[in-house]
Amino acid sequence: MEIINDINTDLVTLYRVVKLHLEEFIRYLKWILVARDEFERFKLENPETLTDIQKAVCFYFLLKSGYAARIDNPFLT
């Protein structure tokens, strides 16, 4: 038995989505453009209005696109 416990719920959500819904996660990422406008749009997303898969995609995209994986947004509280 493994237990994942992290203070960052977005990280736990990302792990759970990749574990249980990998195909859907990849489908969302497949068509996202890597652009500054997309990065800014994702930063402005309200996480309370998104599904877990959408939250995981936003979180992953911001981590991969941000400088040194440090960004200030609701996804990285």
Protein backbone atom coordinates (compact mmCIF):
# COMPACT_ATOMS: atom_id res chain seq x y z
CA MET A 1 0.00 0.00 0.00
CA GLU A 2 1.26 3.45 -0.90
CA ILE A 3 0.01 6.71 0.56
CA ILE A 4 0.38 10.01 -1.22
CA ASN A 5 0.08 12.97 1.09
CA ASP A 6 1.01 16.45 0.04
CA ILE A 7 0.05 19.91 1.20
CA ASN A 8 -0.39 20.92 -2.44
CA THR A 9 -3.75 19.49 -3.47
CA ASP A 10 -3.08 20.37 -7.11
CA LEU A 11 -0.10 18.02 -7.12
CA VAL A 12 -2.21 15.23 -5.67
CA THR A 13 -4.94 15.94 -8.24
CA LEU A 14 -2.37 15.77 -11.05
CA TYR A 15 -1.09 12.43 -9.78
CA ARG A 16 -4.59 11.00 -9.45
CA VAL A 17 -5.64 12.17 -12.93
CA VAL A 18 -2.51 10.75 -14.55
CA LYS A 19 -3.04 7.48 -12.71
CA LEU A 20 -6.75 7.09 -13.48
CA HIS A 21 -7.42 9.20 -16.59
CA LEU A 22 -4.18 9.31 -18.54
CA GLU A 23 -5.77 9.14 -22.00
CA GLU A 24 -8.07 12.09 -21.32
CA PHE A 25 -5.20 14.08 -19.77
CA ILE A 26 -3.07 13.51 -22.89
CA ARG A 27 -6.01 14.37 -25.16
CA TYR A 28 -6.34 17.77 -23.47
CA LEU A 29 -2.60 18.47 -23.71
CA LYS A 30 -2.30 17.35 -27.31
CA TRP A 31 -3.93 20.47 -28.76
CA ILE A 32 -2.64 23.15 -26.38
CA LEU A 33 -0.32 25.65 -27.99
CA VAL A 34 2.82 26.54 -26.08
CA ALA A 35 2.54 30.31 -26.14
CA ARG A 36 2.71 33.21 -23.73
CA ASP A 37 -0.99 33.96 -24.31
CA GLU A 38 -1.94 30.41 -23.34
CA PHE A 39 0.27 30.64 -20.25
CA GLU A 40 -1.42 33.88 -19.18
CA ARG A 41 -4.87 32.42 -19.90
CA PHE A 42 -4.14 29.39 -17.73
CA LYS A 43 -2.89 31.62 -14.92
CA LEU A 44 -6.22 33.45 -14.90
CA GLU A 45 -8.36 30.29 -14.78
CA ASN A 46 -10.50 29.89 -11.68
CA PRO A 47 -9.72 26.38 -10.38
CA GLU A 48 -13.10 26.15 -8.65
CA THR A 49 -14.87 26.10 -12.03
CA LEU A 50 -12.76 23.30 -13.56
CA THR A 51 -13.00 19.53 -13.49
CA ASP A 52 -10.14 17.54 -11.95
CA ILE A 53 -8.79 16.73 -15.41
CA GLN A 54 -8.85 20.39 -16.43
CA LYS A 55 -7.17 21.37 -13.14
CA ALA A 56 -4.45 18.79 -13.72
CA VAL A 57 -3.86 20.02 -17.28
CA CYS A 58 -3.63 23.65 -16.15
CA PHE A 59 -1.30 22.77 -13.29
CA TYR A 60 0.95 20.65 -15.50
CA PHE A 61 1.03 23.23 -18.30
CA LEU A 62 1.93 26.04 -15.90
CA LEU A 63 4.66 23.95 -14.29
CA LYS A 64 6.18 22.97 -17.64
CA SER A 65 5.89 26.48 -19.11
CA GLY A 66 6.88 28.56 -16.10
CA TYR A 67 10.41 29.65 -15.34
CA ALA A 68 12.01 27.15 -12.94
CA ALA A 69 8.51 25.81 -12.23
CA ARG A 70 7.80 28.84 -10.06
CA ILE A 71 4.64 30.67 -10.88
CA ASP A 72 2.19 32.65 -8.81
CA ASN A 73 -1.34 31.48 -9.42
CA PRO A 74 -4.23 29.72 -7.67
CA PHE A 75 -2.92 26.35 -8.85
CA LEU A 76 0.29 26.63 -6.83
CA THR A 77 -0.91 27.66 -3.40
